[in-house]
Amino acid sequence: MEIIQIVGIGIIATVLSVILKQQKPEFSLQISIVTGLVIFIFVISKLNYVIEVLNSLAKRVDMDLLYFSTILKVIGVAYIAEFGAQIARDAGEGAIASKIELASKILIMVLAVPILTSLLDLIIKIIP
């Protein structure tokens, strides 16, 4: 099971980080960042499978690819922003983490504009 390997990597990195934090604090942050990247690379193949399944479902229900790609972009922005914000928090930079989260929320709103526009157009067509 992959989760056992992921948790194992996380526990080993945590122990190393705690040990090094007392003597070399700069290495502690680097271990945290590298561990996050290793885990992300480890699960990226699983994300590819999910995207393929969702893509086939979207084609089956004849969903416009604009909506599907927008949804995938929103999900990507959310995950990447969360990853960046957590790294900033691990480094003790809560203010920067908050700014990353704010920026991601604004970008998600910008990405959602075409979907909101077509939804409003649909509502206007339905209402006489």
N, C-alpha and C. Protein backbone atom coordinates (compact mmCIF):
# COMPACT_ATOMS: atom_id res chain seq x y z
N MET A 1 0.83 -1.18 0.00
CA MET A 1 0.00 0.00 0.00
C MET A 1 0.88 1.25 0.00
N GLU A 2 0.49 2.18 -0.85
CA GLU A 2 1.28 3.39 -1.00
C GLU A 2 1.24 4.27 0.24
N ILE A 3 0.13 4.25 0.94
CA ILE A 3 0.00 5.15 2.09
C ILE A 3 1.01 4.80 3.18
N ILE A 4 1.34 3.52 3.30
CA ILE A 4 2.34 3.13 4.30
C ILE A 4 3.69 3.71 3.93
N GLN A 5 4.04 3.68 2.65
CA GLN A 5 5.30 4.27 2.21
C GLN A 5 5.30 5.78 2.42
N ILE A 6 4.18 6.43 2.11
CA ILE A 6 4.09 7.89 2.28
C ILE A 6 4.22 8.26 3.75
N VAL A 7 3.51 7.55 4.61
CA VAL A 7 3.59 7.84 6.05
C VAL A 7 5.00 7.54 6.56
N GLY A 8 5.62 6.48 6.06
CA GLY A 8 7.00 6.17 6.45
C GLY A 8 7.96 7.28 6.09
N ILE A 9 7.83 7.78 4.86
CA ILE A 9 8.68 8.90 4.43
C ILE A 9 8.42 10.11 5.33
N GLY A 10 7.16 10.37 5.63
CA GLY A 10 6.81 11.51 6.48
C GLY A 10 7.38 11.39 7.89
N ILE A 11 7.29 10.20 8.46
CA ILE A 11 7.80 10.00 9.82
C ILE A 11 9.32 10.14 9.86
N ILE A 12 9.99 9.53 8.89
CA ILE A 12 11.46 9.65 8.85
C ILE A 12 11.87 11.10 8.69
N ALA A 13 11.21 11.81 7.80
CA ALA A 13 11.54 13.23 7.60
C ALA A 13 11.26 14.05 8.85
N THR A 14 10.17 13.73 9.53
CA THR A 14 9.84 14.46 10.76
C THR A 14 10.91 14.25 11.83
N VAL A 15 11.34 13.00 12.01
CA VAL A 15 12.37 12.72 13.00
C VAL A 15 13.67 13.44 12.64
N LEU A 16 14.06 13.37 11.36
CA LEU A 16 15.26 14.08 10.93
C LEU A 16 15.13 15.59 11.14
N SER A 17 13.98 16.11 10.82
CA SER A 17 13.75 17.55 10.97
C SER A 17 13.85 17.98 12.43
N VAL A 18 13.25 17.21 13.32
CA VAL A 18 13.29 17.55 14.74
C VAL A 18 14.72 17.48 15.28
N ILE A 19 15.46 16.46 14.86
CA ILE A 19 16.84 16.32 15.32
C ILE A 19 17.71 17.47 14.81
N LEU A 20 17.54 17.81 13.52
CA LEU A 20 18.37 18.85 12.93
C LEU A 20 17.95 20.26 13.33
N LYS A 21 16.71 20.42 13.75
CA LYS A 21 16.22 21.76 14.11
C LYS A 21 17.02 22.37 15.25
N GLN A 22 17.51 21.55 16.14
CA GLN A 22 18.27 22.05 17.27
C GLN A 22 19.67 22.51 16.87
N GLN A 23 20.28 21.81 15.90
CA GLN A 23 21.65 22.13 15.52
C GLN A 23 21.73 22.95 14.24
N LYS A 24 20.94 22.61 13.25
CA LYS A 24 20.96 23.29 11.94
C LYS A 24 19.53 23.58 11.50
N PRO A 25 18.93 24.66 11.97
CA PRO A 25 17.53 24.94 11.64
C PRO A 25 17.26 25.11 10.14
N GLU A 26 18.26 25.57 9.39
CA GLU A 26 18.05 25.77 7.95
C GLU A 26 17.86 24.44 7.23
N PHE A 27 18.49 23.37 7.73
CA PHE A 27 18.31 22.06 7.12
C PHE A 27 16.93 21.49 7.41
N SER A 28 16.37 21.87 8.54
CA SER A 28 15.05 21.39 8.92
C SER A 28 14.00 21.82 7.90
N LEU A 29 14.04 23.07 7.48
CA LEU A 29 13.10 23.56 6.47
C LEU A 29 13.34 22.88 5.13
N GLN A 30 14.58 22.69 4.77
CA GLN A 30 14.89 22.03 3.50
C GLN A 30 14.38 20.59 3.48
N ILE A 31 14.50 19.91 4.59
CA ILE A 31 13.97 18.54 4.68
C ILE A 31 12.46 18.56 4.50
N SER A 32 11.80 19.52 5.09
CA SER A 32 10.36 19.64 4.96
C SER A 32 9.94 19.88 3.51
N ILE A 33 10.63 20.76 2.83
CA ILE A 33 10.30 21.07 1.43
C ILE A 33 10.56 19.86 0.54
N VAL A 34 11.71 19.23 0.70
CA VAL A 34 12.05 18.07 -0.13
C VAL A 34 11.07 16.92 0.13
N THR A 35 10.71 16.72 1.37
CA THR A 35 9.76 15.65 1.69
C THR A 35 8.41 15.92 1.04
N GLY A 36 7.95 17.16 1.09
CA GLY A 36 6.69 17.50 0.44
C GLY A 36 6.74 17.25 -1.05
N LEU A 37 7.86 17.62 -1.68
CA LEU A 37 8.01 17.38 -3.12
C LEU A 37 8.08 15.90 -3.44
N VAL A 38 8.78 15.12 -2.64
CA VAL A 38 8.87 13.67 -2.88
C VAL A 38 7.49 13.03 -2.78
N ILE A 39 6.74 13.41 -1.77
CA ILE A 39 5.39 12.85 -1.61
C ILE A 39 4.50 13.28 -2.76
N PHE A 40 4.61 14.53 -3.19
CA PHE A 40 3.81 15.03 -4.32
C PHE A 40 4.15 14.26 -5.59
N ILE A 41 5.43 14.06 -5.85
CA ILE A 41 5.84 13.30 -7.04
C ILE A 41 5.35 11.86 -6.95
N PHE A 42 5.34 11.33 -5.75
CA PHE A 42 4.90 9.95 -5.53
C PHE A 42 3.42 9.78 -5.91
N VAL A 43 2.60 10.77 -5.62
CA VAL A 43 1.16 10.63 -5.87
C VAL A 43 0.70 11.26 -7.19
N ILE A 44 1.61 11.88 -7.92
CA ILE A 44 1.21 12.56 -9.15
C ILE A 44 0.68 11.55 -10.18
N SER A 45 1.21 10.34 -10.19
CA SER A 45 0.71 9.34 -11.13
C SER A 45 -0.74 8.97 -10.81
N LYS A 46 -1.09 8.99 -9.55
CA LYS A 46 -2.47 8.72 -9.16
C LYS A 46 -3.40 9.83 -9.64
N LEU A 47 -2.91 11.06 -9.60
CA LEU A 47 -3.71 12.18 -10.10
C LEU A 47 -3.95 12.06 -11.59
N ASN A 48 -2.98 11.56 -12.31
CA ASN A 48 -3.12 11.36 -13.75
C ASN A 48 -4.27 10.39 -14.03
N TYR A 49 -4.36 9.33 -13.25
CA TYR A 49 -5.45 8.36 -13.41
C TYR A 49 -6.81 9.01 -13.16
N VAL A 50 -6.90 9.81 -12.12
CA VAL A 50 -8.16 10.49 -11.79
C VAL A 50 -8.56 11.44 -12.92
N ILE A 51 -7.60 12.16 -13.46
CA ILE A 51 -7.90 13.09 -14.56
C ILE A 51 -8.40 12.33 -15.79
N GLU A 52 -7.79 11.18 -16.09
CA GLU A 52 -8.23 10.38 -17.23
C GLU A 52 -9.66 9.88 -17.04
N VAL A 53 -9.99 9.42 -15.84
CA VAL A 53 -11.35 8.94 -15.56
C VAL A 53 -12.35 10.09 -15.67
N LEU A 54 -12.02 11.23 -15.08
CA LEU A 54 -12.92 12.38 -15.16
C LEU A 54 -13.09 12.86 -16.60
N ASN A 55 -12.02 12.80 -17.38
CA ASN A 55 -12.09 13.20 -18.78
C ASN A 55 -13.01 12.28 -19.57
N SER A 56 -12.91 10.98 -19.32
CA SER A 56 -13.80 10.05 -20.02
C SER A 56 -15.25 10.25 -19.60
N LEU A 57 -15.49 10.55 -18.33
CA LEU A 57 -16.85 10.83 -17.87
C LEU A 57 -17.39 12.10 -18.52
N ALA A 58 -16.54 13.12 -18.63
CA ALA A 58 -16.97 14.37 -19.24
C ALA A 58 -17.33 14.16 -20.71
N LYS A 59 -16.57 13.33 -21.40
CA LYS A 59 -16.89 13.04 -22.80
C LYS A 59 -18.17 12.23 -22.92
N ARG A 60 -18.38 11.33 -21.97
CA ARG A 60 -19.58 10.49 -22.00
C ARG A 60 -20.86 11.30 -21.82
N VAL A 61 -20.82 12.31 -20.98
CA VAL A 61 -22.01 13.14 -20.75
C VAL A 61 -22.02 14.36 -21.66
N ASP A 62 -21.09 14.41 -22.59
CA ASP A 62 -21.00 15.49 -23.57
C ASP A 62 -20.86 16.86 -22.90
N MET A 63 -19.98 16.93 -21.90
CA MET A 63 -19.70 18.18 -21.20
C MET A 63 -18.74 19.02 -22.04
N ASP A 64 -18.98 20.31 -22.07
CA ASP A 64 -18.09 21.21 -22.78
C ASP A 64 -16.70 21.17 -22.13
N LEU A 65 -15.67 21.02 -22.94
CA LEU A 65 -14.30 20.90 -22.41
C LEU A 65 -13.85 22.17 -21.71
N LEU A 66 -14.45 23.31 -22.03
CA LEU A 66 -14.11 24.55 -21.33
C LEU A 66 -14.42 24.41 -19.84
N TYR A 67 -15.58 23.86 -19.53
CA TYR A 67 -15.96 23.70 -18.12
C TYR A 67 -15.07 22.68 -17.43
N PHE A 68 -14.81 21.58 -18.12
CA PHE A 68 -13.99 20.53 -17.53
C PHE A 68 -12.57 21.03 -17.25
N SER A 69 -11.97 21.70 -18.22
CA SER A 69 -10.60 22.19 -18.01
C SER A 69 -10.57 23.27 -16.93
N THR A 70 -11.61 24.07 -16.85
CA THR A 70 -11.67 25.10 -15.80
C THR A 70 -11.74 24.45 -14.42
N ILE A 71 -12.55 23.41 -14.29
CA ILE A 71 -12.66 22.71 -13.01
C ILE A 71 -11.31 22.11 -12.62
N LEU A 72 -10.61 21.50 -13.58
CA LEU A 72 -9.30 20.94 -13.28
C LEU A 72 -8.30 22.03 -12.89
N LYS A 73 -8.37 23.18 -13.54
CA LYS A 73 -7.48 24.29 -13.18
C LYS A 73 -7.75 24.78 -11.77
N VAL A 74 -9.01 24.89 -11.42
CA VAL A 74 -9.38 25.34 -10.07
C VAL A 74 -8.84 24.36 -9.03
N ILE A 75 -9.01 23.08 -9.28
CA ILE A 75 -8.50 22.06 -8.35
C ILE A 75 -6.98 22.17 -8.25
N GLY A 76 -6.31 22.34 -9.39
CA GLY A 76 -4.85 22.48 -9.38
C GLY A 76 -4.39 23.69 -8.60
N VAL A 77 -5.04 24.82 -8.81
CA VAL A 77 -4.68 26.04 -8.08
C VAL A 77 -4.86 25.82 -6.58
N ALA A 78 -5.95 25.18 -6.19
CA ALA A 78 -6.21 24.95 -4.77
C ALA A 78 -5.14 24.07 -4.14
N TYR A 79 -4.78 22.97 -4.81
CA TYR A 79 -3.77 22.07 -4.25
C TYR A 79 -2.39 22.72 -4.19
N ILE A 80 -2.00 23.40 -5.25
CA ILE A 80 -0.68 24.04 -5.28
C ILE A 80 -0.60 25.14 -4.24
N ALA A 81 -1.66 25.92 -4.10
CA ALA A 81 -1.66 27.00 -3.10
C ALA A 81 -1.60 26.42 -1.69
N GLU A 82 -2.32 25.34 -1.45
CA GLU A 82 -2.27 24.72 -0.12
C GLU A 82 -0.86 24.22 0.18
N PHE A 83 -0.23 23.62 -0.81
CA PHE A 83 1.14 23.12 -0.63
C PHE A 83 2.09 24.28 -0.31
N GLY A 84 2.00 25.36 -1.08
CA GLY A 84 2.85 26.52 -0.84
C GLY A 84 2.58 27.18 0.50
N ALA A 85 1.31 27.27 0.88
CA ALA A 85 0.97 27.88 2.17
C ALA A 85 1.49 27.04 3.34
N GLN A 86 1.42 25.73 3.21
CA GLN A 86 1.92 24.87 4.28
C GLN A 86 3.44 24.98 4.41
N ILE A 87 4.13 25.10 3.28
CA ILE A 87 5.59 25.29 3.34
C ILE A 87 5.90 26.61 4.04
N ALA A 88 5.16 27.66 3.69
CA ALA A 88 5.38 28.96 4.34
C ALA A 88 5.11 28.87 5.84
N ARG A 89 4.05 28.17 6.23
CA ARG A 89 3.75 28.01 7.66
C ARG A 89 4.83 27.21 8.36
N ASP A 90 5.35 26.15 7.69
CA ASP A 90 6.44 25.37 8.28
C ASP A 90 7.67 26.23 8.53
N ALA A 91 7.86 27.22 7.67
CA ALA A 91 9.00 28.12 7.84
C ALA A 91 8.71 29.22 8.85
N GLY A 92 7.51 29.22 9.43
CA GLY A 92 7.16 30.23 10.41
C GLY A 92 6.66 31.52 9.80
N GLU A 93 6.30 31.50 8.55
CA GLU A 93 5.83 32.70 7.84
C GLU A 93 4.32 32.62 7.60
N GLY A 94 3.57 32.78 8.67
CA GLY A 94 2.12 32.72 8.57
C GLY A 94 1.53 33.82 7.70
N ALA A 95 2.15 35.00 7.72
CA ALA A 95 1.64 36.11 6.91
C ALA A 95 1.78 35.80 5.41
N ILE A 96 2.91 35.23 5.03
CA ILE A 96 3.09 34.86 3.62
C ILE A 96 2.12 33.75 3.23
N ALA A 97 1.90 32.81 4.13
CA ALA A 97 0.95 31.73 3.86
C ALA A 97 -0.45 32.30 3.63
N SER A 98 -0.83 33.27 4.42
CA SER A 98 -2.15 33.90 4.23
C SER A 98 -2.25 34.60 2.89
N LYS A 99 -1.16 35.24 2.46
CA LYS A 99 -1.17 35.93 1.16
C LYS A 99 -1.26 34.93 0.01
N ILE A 100 -0.60 33.78 0.16
CA ILE A 100 -0.71 32.72 -0.86
C ILE A 100 -2.16 32.25 -0.96
N GLU A 101 -2.79 32.05 0.19
CA GLU A 101 -4.18 31.59 0.19
C GLU A 101 -5.11 32.64 -0.41
N LEU A 102 -4.89 33.91 -0.10
CA LEU A 102 -5.70 34.98 -0.67
C LEU A 102 -5.54 35.03 -2.19
N ALA A 103 -4.30 34.95 -2.65
CA ALA A 103 -4.05 34.97 -4.09
C ALA A 103 -4.72 33.79 -4.78
N SER A 104 -4.69 32.63 -4.16
CA SER A 104 -5.32 31.46 -4.78
C SER A 104 -6.83 31.62 -4.86
N LYS A 105 -7.42 32.23 -3.85
CA LYS A 105 -8.88 32.46 -3.88
C LYS A 105 -9.25 33.43 -5.00
N ILE A 106 -8.44 34.45 -5.18
CA ILE A 106 -8.70 35.41 -6.27
C ILE A 106 -8.54 34.73 -7.62
N LEU A 107 -7.49 33.93 -7.79
CA LEU A 107 -7.29 33.22 -9.05
C LEU A 107 -8.42 32.24 -9.34
N ILE A 108 -8.92 31.59 -8.31
CA ILE A 108 -10.05 30.68 -8.50
C ILE A 108 -11.28 31.45 -8.94
N MET A 109 -11.51 32.63 -8.36
CA MET A 109 -12.64 33.46 -8.80
C MET A 109 -12.49 33.86 -10.26
N VAL A 110 -11.28 34.22 -10.65
CA VAL A 110 -11.03 34.62 -12.04
C VAL A 110 -11.28 33.44 -12.98
N LEU A 111 -10.82 32.25 -12.58
CA LEU A 111 -11.03 31.07 -13.41
C LEU A 111 -12.51 30.70 -13.51
N ALA A 112 -13.28 31.02 -12.49
CA ALA A 112 -14.70 30.64 -12.47
C ALA A 112 -15.60 31.60 -13.26
N VAL A 113 -15.08 32.73 -13.69
CA VAL A 113 -15.90 33.71 -14.40
C VAL A 113 -16.59 33.13 -15.63
N PRO A 114 -15.92 32.37 -16.51
CA PRO A 114 -16.64 31.83 -17.67
C PRO A 114 -17.79 30.90 -17.29
N ILE A 115 -17.61 30.11 -16.25
CA ILE A 115 -18.68 29.22 -15.82
C ILE A 115 -19.84 30.03 -15.25
N LEU A 116 -19.54 31.04 -14.44
CA LEU A 116 -20.59 31.89 -13.89
C LEU A 116 -21.33 32.64 -14.99
N THR A 117 -20.61 33.09 -16.01
CA THR A 117 -21.23 33.81 -17.12
C THR A 117 -22.20 32.90 -17.88
N SER A 118 -21.77 31.70 -18.18
CA SER A 118 -22.67 30.80 -18.91
C SER A 118 -23.83 30.35 -18.04
N LEU A 119 -23.63 30.24 -16.75
CA LEU A 119 -24.73 29.91 -15.85
C LEU A 119 -25.76 31.03 -15.82
N LEU A 120 -25.30 32.26 -15.76
CA LEU A 120 -26.23 33.40 -15.78
C LEU A 120 -26.95 33.49 -17.13
N ASP A 121 -26.25 33.21 -18.24
CA ASP A 121 -26.90 33.19 -19.55
C ASP A 121 -28.00 32.13 -19.60
N LEU A 122 -27.74 30.98 -19.01
CA LEU A 122 -28.74 29.91 -18.97
C LEU A 122 -29.95 30.32 -18.15
N ILE A 123 -29.70 30.96 -17.02
CA ILE A 123 -30.81 31.41 -16.17
C ILE A 123 -31.64 32.46 -16.90
N ILE A 124 -30.98 33.37 -17.61
CA ILE A 124 -31.71 34.41 -18.36
C ILE A 124 -32.55 33.78 -19.46
N LYS A 125 -32.07 32.73 -20.10
CA LYS A 125 -32.84 32.05 -21.15
C LYS A 125 -34.05 31.33 -20.57
N ILE A 126 -33.90 30.80 -19.37
CA ILE A 126 -35.02 30.05 -18.75
C ILE A 126 -36.12 30.98 -18.28
N ILE A 127 -35.74 32.11 -17.69
CA ILE A 127 -36.72 33.05 -17.16
C ILE A 127 -37.28 33.87 -18.34
N PRO A 128 -38.64 33.91 -18.45
CA PRO A 128 -39.23 34.65 -19.58
C PRO A 128 -39.08 36.15 -19.43
